[in-house]
PDB file of N, CA and C in Angstrom:
ATOM      1  N   MET A   1      93.773 105.318 117.873  1.00  0.00           N
ATOM      2  CA  MET A   1      93.606 104.695 116.570  1.00  0.00           C
ATOM      3  C   MET A   1      92.207 104.088 116.507  1.00  0.00           C
ATOM      4  N   ALA A   2      91.541 104.304 115.397  1.00  0.00           N
ATOM      5  CA  ALA A   2      90.194 103.773 115.208  1.00  0.00           C
ATOM      6  C   ALA A   2      90.252 102.292 114.833  1.00  0.00           C
ATOM      7  N   THR A   3      89.162 101.619 115.084  1.00  0.00           N
ATOM      8  CA  THR A   3      89.048 100.201 114.748  1.00  0.00           C
ATOM      9  C   THR A   3      88.053 100.037 113.617  1.00  0.00           C
ATOM     10  N   MET A   4      88.395  99.146 112.674  1.00  0.00           N
ATOM     11  CA  MET A   4      87.497  98.841 111.567  1.00  0.00           C
ATOM     12  C   MET A   4      87.490  97.325 111.396  1.00  0.00           C
ATOM     13  N   ASN A   5      86.317  96.753 111.368  1.00  0.00           N
ATOM     14  CA  ASN A   5      86.189  95.312 111.161  1.00  0.00           C
ATOM     15  C   ASN A   5      85.807  95.048 109.714  1.00  0.00           C
ATOM     16  N   ILE A   6      86.423  94.047 109.126  1.00  0.00           N
ATOM     17  CA  ILE A   6      86.084  93.671 107.755  1.00  0.00           C
ATOM     18  C   ILE A   6      85.780  92.179 107.696  1.00  0.00           C
ATOM     19  N   SER A   7      84.965  91.815 106.741  1.00  0.00           N
ATOM     20  CA  SER A   7      84.644  90.406 106.516  1.00  0.00           C
ATOM     21  C   SER A   7      85.352  89.947 105.256  1.00  0.00           C
ATOM     22  N   LEU A   8      85.960  88.777 105.337  1.00  0.00           N
ATOM     23  CA  LEU A   8      86.679  88.214 104.198  1.00  0.00           C
ATOM     24  C   LEU A   8      86.215  86.792 103.964  1.00  0.00           C
ATOM     25  N   PRO A   9      86.166  86.381 102.705  1.00  0.00           N
ATOM     26  CA  PRO A   9      85.946  84.958 102.436  1.00  0.00           C
ATOM     27  C   PRO A   9      87.134  84.164 103.000  1.00  0.00           C
ATOM     28  N   ASP A  10      86.913  82.910 103.283  1.00  0.00           N
ATOM     29  CA  ASP A  10      87.968  82.087 103.878  1.00  0.00           C
ATOM     30  C   ASP A  10      89.257  82.115 103.069  1.00  0.00           C
ATOM     31  N   ALA A  11      89.155  82.086 101.758  1.00  0.00           N
ATOM     32  CA  ALA A  11      90.361  82.062 100.915  1.00  0.00           C
ATOM     33  C   ALA A  11      91.189  83.334 101.103  1.00  0.00           C
ATOM     34  N   LEU A  12      90.529  84.488 101.199  1.00  0.00           N
ATOM     35  CA  LEU A  12      91.259  85.737 101.414  1.00  0.00           C
ATOM     36  C   LEU A  12      91.829  85.807 102.829  1.00  0.00           C
ATOM     37  N   ARG A  13      91.074  85.350 103.787  1.00  0.00           N
ATOM     38  CA  ARG A  13      91.576  85.317 105.168  1.00  0.00           C
ATOM     39  C   ARG A  13      92.828  84.448 105.250  1.00  0.00           C
ATOM     40  N   ASP A  14      92.785  83.280 104.600  1.00  0.00           N
ATOM     41  CA  ASP A  14      93.952  82.394 104.590  1.00  0.00           C
ATOM     42  C   ASP A  14      95.138  83.065 103.909  1.00  0.00           C
ATOM     43  N   PHE A  15      94.879  83.784 102.828  1.00  0.00           N
ATOM     44  CA  PHE A  15      95.948  84.495 102.128  1.00  0.00           C
ATOM     45  C   PHE A  15      96.579  85.538 103.045  1.00  0.00           C
ATOM     46  N   VAL A  16      95.762  86.329 103.722  1.00  0.00           N
ATOM     47  CA  VAL A  16      96.272  87.362 104.629  1.00  0.00           C
ATOM     48  C   VAL A  16      97.102  86.716 105.735  1.00  0.00           C
ATOM     49  N   GLU A  17      96.590  85.661 106.336  1.00  0.00           N
ATOM     50  CA  GLU A  17      97.326  84.983 107.400  1.00  0.00           C
ATOM     51  C   GLU A  17      98.661  84.448 106.899  1.00  0.00           C
ATOM     52  N   HIS A  18      98.679  83.936 105.690  1.00  0.00           N
ATOM     53  CA  HIS A  18      99.922  83.439 105.096  1.00  0.00           C
ATOM     54  C   HIS A  18     100.911  84.583 104.882  1.00  0.00           C
ATOM     55  N   GLN A  19     100.423  85.718 104.385  1.00  0.00           N
ATOM     56  CA  GLN A  19     101.297  86.868 104.168  1.00  0.00           C
ATOM     57  C   GLN A  19     101.868  87.387 105.486  1.00  0.00           C
ATOM     58  N   VAL A  20     101.051  87.421 106.500  1.00  0.00           N
ATOM     59  CA  VAL A  20     101.496  87.881 107.819  1.00  0.00           C
ATOM     60  C   VAL A  20     102.638  86.987 108.309  1.00  0.00           C
ATOM     61  N   ALA A  21     102.465  85.695 108.167  1.00  0.00           N
ATOM     62  CA  ALA A  21     103.486  84.754 108.634  1.00  0.00           C
ATOM     63  C   ALA A  21     104.745  84.816 107.776  1.00  0.00           C
ATOM     64  N   GLN A  22     104.580  84.815 106.464  1.00  0.00           N
ATOM     65  CA  GLN A  22     105.726  84.762 105.555  1.00  0.00           C
ATOM     66  C   GLN A  22     106.517  86.057 105.519  1.00  0.00           C
ATOM     67  N   ARG A  23     105.830  87.183 105.653  1.00  0.00           N
ATOM     68  CA  ARG A  23     106.492  88.475 105.493  1.00  0.00           C
ATOM     69  C   ARG A  23     106.772  89.147 106.828  1.00  0.00           C
ATOM     70  N   HIS A  24     106.585  88.387 107.898  1.00  0.00           N
ATOM     71  CA  HIS A  24     106.966  88.811 109.243  1.00  0.00           C
ATOM     72  C   HIS A  24     106.237  90.066 109.731  1.00  0.00           C
ATOM     73  N   TYR A  25     104.954  90.169 109.410  1.00  0.00           N
ATOM     74  CA  TYR A  25     104.130  91.217 110.003  1.00  0.00           C
ATOM     75  C   TYR A  25     103.715  90.742 111.392  1.00  0.00           C
ATOM     76  N   SER A  26     103.505  91.671 112.281  1.00  0.00           N
ATOM     77  CA  SER A  26     103.088  91.305 113.641  1.00  0.00           C
ATOM     78  C   SER A  26     101.638  90.846 113.674  1.00  0.00           C
ATOM     79  N   THR A  27     100.802  91.535 112.886  1.00  0.00           N
ATOM     80  CA  THR A  27      99.362  91.241 112.890  1.00  0.00           C
ATOM     81  C   THR A  27      98.809  91.422 111.484  1.00  0.00           C
ATOM     82  N   SER A  28      97.606  90.936 111.289  1.00  0.00           N
ATOM     83  CA  SER A  28      96.936  91.147 110.007  1.00  0.00           C
ATOM     84  C   SER A  28      96.634  92.631 109.815  1.00  0.00           C
ATOM     85  N   SER A  29      96.389  93.353 110.896  1.00  0.00           N
ATOM     86  CA  SER A  29      96.145  94.796 110.789  1.00  0.00           C
ATOM     87  C   SER A  29      97.363  95.518 110.229  1.00  0.00           C
ATOM     88  N   GLU A  30      98.548  95.121 110.667  1.00  0.00           N
ATOM     89  CA  GLU A  30      99.776  95.733 110.153  1.00  0.00           C
ATOM     90  C   GLU A  30      99.904  95.495 108.647  1.00  0.00           C
ATOM     91  N   TYR A  31      99.590  94.292 108.218  1.00  0.00           N
ATOM     92  CA  TYR A  31      99.642  93.950 106.798  1.00  0.00           C
ATOM     93  C   TYR A  31      98.642  94.802 106.004  1.00  0.00           C
ATOM     94  N   VAL A  32      97.427  94.913 106.485  1.00  0.00           N
ATOM     95  CA  VAL A  32      96.397  95.690 105.786  1.00  0.00           C
ATOM     96  C   VAL A  32      96.771  97.167 105.753  1.00  0.00           C
ATOM     97  N   ARG A  33      97.313  97.701 106.851  1.00  0.00           N
ATOM     98  CA  ARG A  33      97.761  99.098 106.850  1.00  0.00           C
ATOM     99  C   ARG A  33      98.825  99.334 105.789  1.00  0.00           C
ATOM    100  N   GLU A  34      99.754  98.389 105.653  1.00  0.00           N
ATOM    101  CA  GLU A  34     100.799  98.514 104.631  1.00  0.00           C
ATOM    102  C   GLU A  34     100.187  98.506 103.228  1.00  0.00           C
ATOM    103  N   LEU A  35      99.210  97.654 102.992  1.00  0.00           N
ATOM    104  CA  LEU A  35      98.537  97.630 101.689  1.00  0.00           C
ATOM    105  C   LEU A  35      97.860  98.964 101.401  1.00  0.00           C
ATOM    106  N   ILE A  36      97.222  99.533 102.397  1.00  0.00           N
ATOM    107  CA  ILE A  36      96.534 100.815 102.216  1.00  0.00           C
ATOM    108  C   ILE A  36      97.545 101.922 101.929  1.00  0.00           C
ATOM    109  N   ARG A  37      98.664 101.933 102.670  1.00  0.00           N
ATOM    110  CA  ARG A  37      99.700 102.950 102.405  1.00  0.00           C
ATOM    111  C   ARG A  37     100.213 102.844 100.977  1.00  0.00           C
ATOM    112  N   LYS A  38     100.465 101.622 100.524  1.00  0.00           N
ATOM    113  CA  LYS A  38     100.954 101.423  99.158  1.00  0.00           C
ATOM    114  C   LYS A  38      99.925 101.880  98.128  1.00  0.00           C
ATOM    115  N   ASP A  39      98.654 101.661  98.403  1.00  0.00           N
ATOM    116  CA  ASP A  39      97.611 102.113  97.494  1.00  0.00           C
ATOM    117  C   ASP A  39      97.547 103.636  97.471  1.00  0.00           C
ATOM    118  N   GLN A  40      97.714 104.278  98.624  1.00  0.00           N
ATOM    119  CA  GLN A  40      97.754 105.739  98.670  1.00  0.00           C
ATOM    120  C   GLN A  40      98.920 106.269  97.831  1.00  0.00           C
ATOM    121  N   GLU A  41     100.089 105.642  97.970  1.00  0.00           N
ATOM    122  CA  GLU A  41     101.257 106.051  97.180  1.00  0.00           C
ATOM    123  C   GLU A  41     100.989 105.884  95.687  1.00  0.00           C
ATOM    124  N   ARG A  42     100.351 104.770  95.327  1.00  0.00           N
ATOM    125  CA  ARG A  42     100.031 104.508  93.922  1.00  0.00           C
ATOM    126  C   ARG A  42      99.096 105.586  93.371  1.00  0.00           C
ATOM    127  N   LEU A  43      98.100 105.958  94.165  1.00  0.00           N
ATOM    128  CA  LEU A  43      97.155 106.988  93.724  1.00  0.00           C
ATOM    129  C   LEU A  43      97.826 108.349  93.592  1.00  0.00           C
ATOM    130  N   ARG A  44      98.740 108.685  94.532  1.00  0.00           N
ATOM    131  CA  ARG A  44      99.478 109.954  94.435  1.00  0.00           C
ATOM    132  C   ARG A  44     100.352 109.969  93.181  1.00  0.00           C
ATOM    133  N   LEU A  45     101.038 108.852  92.920  1.00  0.00           N
ATOM    134  CA  LEU A  45     101.871 108.764  91.723  1.00  0.00           C
ATOM    135  C   LEU A  45     101.025 108.888  90.467  1.00  0.00           C
ATOM    136  N   ARG A  46      99.883 108.240  90.448  1.00  0.00           N
ATOM    137  CA  ARG A  46      98.993 108.331  89.288  1.00  0.00           C
ATOM    138  C   ARG A  46      98.559 109.771  89.052  1.00  0.00           C
ATOM    139  N   ALA A  47      98.203 110.471  90.137  1.00  0.00           N
ATOM    140  CA  ALA A  47      97.783 111.869  90.013  1.00  0.00           C
ATOM    141  C   ALA A  47      98.922 112.730  89.468  1.00  0.00           C
ATOM    142  N   LEU A  48     100.139 112.494  89.950  1.00  0.00           N
ATOM    143  CA  LEU A  48     101.294 113.247  89.439  1.00  0.00           C
ATOM    144  C   LEU A  48     101.547 112.959  87.969  1.00  0.00           C
ATOM    145  N   LEU A  49     101.435 111.693  87.586  1.00  0.00           N
ATOM    146  CA  LEU A  49     101.633 111.332  86.181  1.00  0.00           C
ATOM    147  C   LEU A  49     100.573 111.969  85.285  1.00  0.00           C
ATOM    148  N   LEU A  50      99.337 111.961  85.740  1.00  0.00           N
ATOM    149  CA  LEU A  50      98.267 112.586  84.958  1.00  0.00           C
ATOM    150  C   LEU A  50      98.463 114.093  84.863  1.00  0.00           C
ATOM    151  N   ALA A  51      98.896 114.721  85.963  1.00  0.00           N
ATOM    152  CA  ALA A  51      99.163 116.160  85.937  1.00  0.00           C
ATOM    153  C   ALA A  51     100.297 116.460  84.966  1.00  0.00           C
ATOM    154  N   GLY A  52     101.311 115.629  84.959  1.00  0.00           N
ATOM    155  CA  GLY A  52     102.414 115.816  84.025  1.00  0.00           C
ATOM    156  C   GLY A  52     101.975 115.632  82.587  1.00  0.00           C
ATOM    157  N   LEU A  53     101.112 114.671  82.368  1.00  0.00           N
ATOM    158  CA  LEU A  53     100.605 114.423  81.019  1.00  0.00           C
ATOM    159  C   LEU A  53      99.818 115.616  80.499  1.00  0.00           C
ATOM    160  N   GLU A  54      99.078 116.291  81.390  1.00  0.00           N
ATOM    161  CA  GLU A  54      98.249 117.423  80.991  1.00  0.00           C
ATOM    162  C   GLU A  54      99.022 118.740  80.925  1.00  0.00           C
ATOM    163  N   SER A  55     100.253 118.759  81.426  1.00  0.00           N
ATOM    164  CA  SER A  55     101.020 120.008  81.442  1.00  0.00           C
ATOM    165  C   SER A  55     101.679 120.252  80.087  1.00  0.00           C
ATOM    166  N   GLU A  56     102.020 121.499  79.873  1.00  0.00           N
ATOM    167  CA  GLU A  56     102.690 121.875  78.633  1.00  0.00           C
ATOM    168  C   GLU A  56     104.155 121.458  78.686  1.00  0.00           C
ATOM    169  N   PRO A  57     104.695 121.002  77.571  1.00  0.00           N
ATOM    170  CA  PRO A  57     106.119 120.659  77.547  1.00  0.00           C
ATOM    171  C   PRO A  57     106.963 121.913  77.818  1.00  0.00           C
ATOM    172  N   THR A  58     108.071 121.738  78.530  1.00  0.00           N
ATOM    173  CA  THR A  58     108.934 122.873  78.842  1.00  0.00           C
ATOM    174  C   THR A  58     110.157 122.922  77.949  1.00  0.00           C
ATOM    175  N   GLY A  59     110.411 121.887  77.222  1.00  0.00           N
ATOM    176  CA  GLY A  59     111.572 121.845  76.340  1.00  0.00           C
ATOM    177  C   GLY A  59     111.930 120.402  76.032  1.00  0.00           C
ATOM    178  N   PRO A  60     112.983 120.224  75.268  1.00  0.00           N
ATOM    179  CA  PRO A  60     113.361 118.857  74.886  1.00  0.00           C
ATOM    180  C   PRO A  60     113.922 118.077  76.079  1.00  0.00           C
ATOM    181  N   ALA A  61     113.677 116.789  76.091  1.00  0.00           N
ATOM    182  CA  ALA A  61     114.219 115.913  77.132  1.00  0.00           C
ATOM    183  C   ALA A  61     115.528 115.330  76.609  1.00  0.00           C
ATOM    184  N   ASP A  62     116.543 116.170  76.570  1.00  0.00           N
ATOM    185  CA  ASP A  62     117.854 115.766  76.080  1.00  0.00           C
ATOM    186  C   ASP A  62     118.792 115.521  77.269  1.00  0.00           C
ATOM    187  N   PRO A  63     120.048 115.149  77.036  1.00  0.00           N
ATOM    188  CA  PRO A  63     120.968 114.892  78.155  1.00  0.00           C
ATOM    189  C   PRO A  63     121.107 116.073  79.119  1.00  0.00           C
ATOM    190  N   THR A  64     121.064 117.293  78.623  1.00  0.00           N
ATOM    191  CA  THR A  64     121.163 118.462  79.495  1.00  0.00           C
ATOM    192  C   THR A  64     119.979 118.518  80.459  1.00  0.00           C
ATOM    193  N   TYR A  65     118.793 118.220  79.955  1.00  0.00           N
ATOM    194  CA  TYR A  65     117.591 118.199  80.796  1.00  0.00           C
ATOM    195  C   TYR A  65     117.752 117.183  81.923  1.00  0.00           C
ATOM    196  N   PHE A  66     118.209 115.969  81.578  1.00  0.00           N
ATOM    197  CA  PHE A  66     118.335 114.916  82.581  1.00  0.00           C
ATOM    198  C   PHE A  66     119.451 115.214  83.582  1.00  0.00           C
ATOM    199  N   ASP A  67     120.523 115.864  83.129  1.00  0.00           N
ATOM    200  CA  ASP A  67     121.579 116.277  84.055  1.00  0.00           C
ATOM    201  C   ASP A  67     121.029 117.267  85.079  1.00  0.00           C
ATOM    202  N   ALA A  68     120.258 118.230  84.617  1.00  0.00           N
ATOM    203  CA  ALA A  68     119.661 119.221  85.528  1.00  0.00           C
ATOM    204  C   ALA A  68     118.683 118.552  86.484  1.00  0.00           C
ATOM    205  N   LEU A  69     117.929 117.595  85.994  1.00  0.00           N
ATOM    206  CA  LEU A  69     116.976 116.878  86.833  1.00  0.00           C
ATOM    207  C   LEU A  69     117.709 116.095  87.923  1.00  0.00           C
ATOM    208  N   ARG A  70     118.784 115.411  87.555  1.00  0.00           N
ATOM    209  CA  ARG A  70     119.583 114.684  88.548  1.00  0.00           C
ATOM    210  C   ARG A  70     120.147 115.637  89.596  1.00  0.00           C
ATOM    211  N   HIS A  71     120.618 116.782  89.158  1.00  0.00           N
ATOM    212  CA  HIS A  71     121.171 117.766  90.084  1.00  0.00           C
ATOM    213  C   HIS A  71     120.108 118.236  91.086  1.00  0.00           C
ATOM    214  N   ARG A  72     118.882 118.491  90.612  1.00  0.00           N
ATOM    215  CA  ARG A  72     117.794 118.920  91.492  1.00  0.00           C
ATOM    216  C   ARG A  72     117.371 117.816  92.453  1.00  0.00           C
ATOM    217  N   ALA A  73     117.498 116.563  92.019  1.00  0.00           N
ATOM    218  CA  ALA A  73     117.020 115.449  92.838  1.00  0.00           C
ATOM    219  C   ALA A  73     118.031 115.037  93.911  1.00  0.00           C
ATOM    220  N   ARG A  74     119.291 115.418  93.763  1.00  0.00           N
ATOM    221  CA  ARG A  74     120.299 115.047  94.763  1.00  0.00           C
ATOM    222  C   ARG A  74     120.014 115.748  96.081  1.00  0.00           C
ATOM    223  N   PRO A  75     120.242 115.014  97.181  1.00  0.00           N
ATOM    224  CA  PRO A  75     120.068 115.653  98.494  1.00  0.00           C
ATOM    225  C   PRO A  75     121.095 116.776  98.662  1.00  0.00           C
ATOM    226  N   ARG A  76     120.653 117.841  99.250  1.00  0.00           N
ATOM    227  CA  ARG A  76     121.542 118.970  99.504  1.00  0.00           C
ATOM    228  C   ARG A  76     122.425 118.682 100.701  1.00  0.00           C
ATOM    229  N   GLU A  77     123.703 119.039 100.602  1.00  0.00           N
ATOM    230  CA  GLU A  77     124.608 118.872 101.723  1.00  0.00           C
ATOM    231  C   GLU A  77     124.415 120.022 102.701  1.00  0.00           C
ATOM    232  N   ARG A  78     124.483 119.673 103.985  1.00  0.00           N
ATOM    233  CA  ARG A  78     124.355 120.710 105.008  1.00  0.00           C
ATOM    234  C   ARG A  78     125.699 121.412 105.160  1.00  0.00           C
ATOM    235  N   GLY A  79     125.655 122.738 105.294  1.00  0.00           N
ATOM    236  CA  GLY A  79     126.889 123.502 105.385  1.00  0.00           C
ATOM    237  C   GLY A  79     127.275 123.934 106.736  1.00  0.00           C
TER     238      GLY A  79
END
């Protein structure tokens, strides 16, 4: 694992230390890694939403559409 050092103003350092203590992270690095993962997820979701916005509609979003969507989203049972 690579190491990266960052500089923070005292107020941000205190905030990070408080979050580590309150949210039961082992280290400040663990907390920062979690923030980065969440930001990556946010960016992926944003990209998907933008791609959906730019795509052509496939049909009406009626109850039948949502039923089919729920069916596709359910985990498949192993046989």
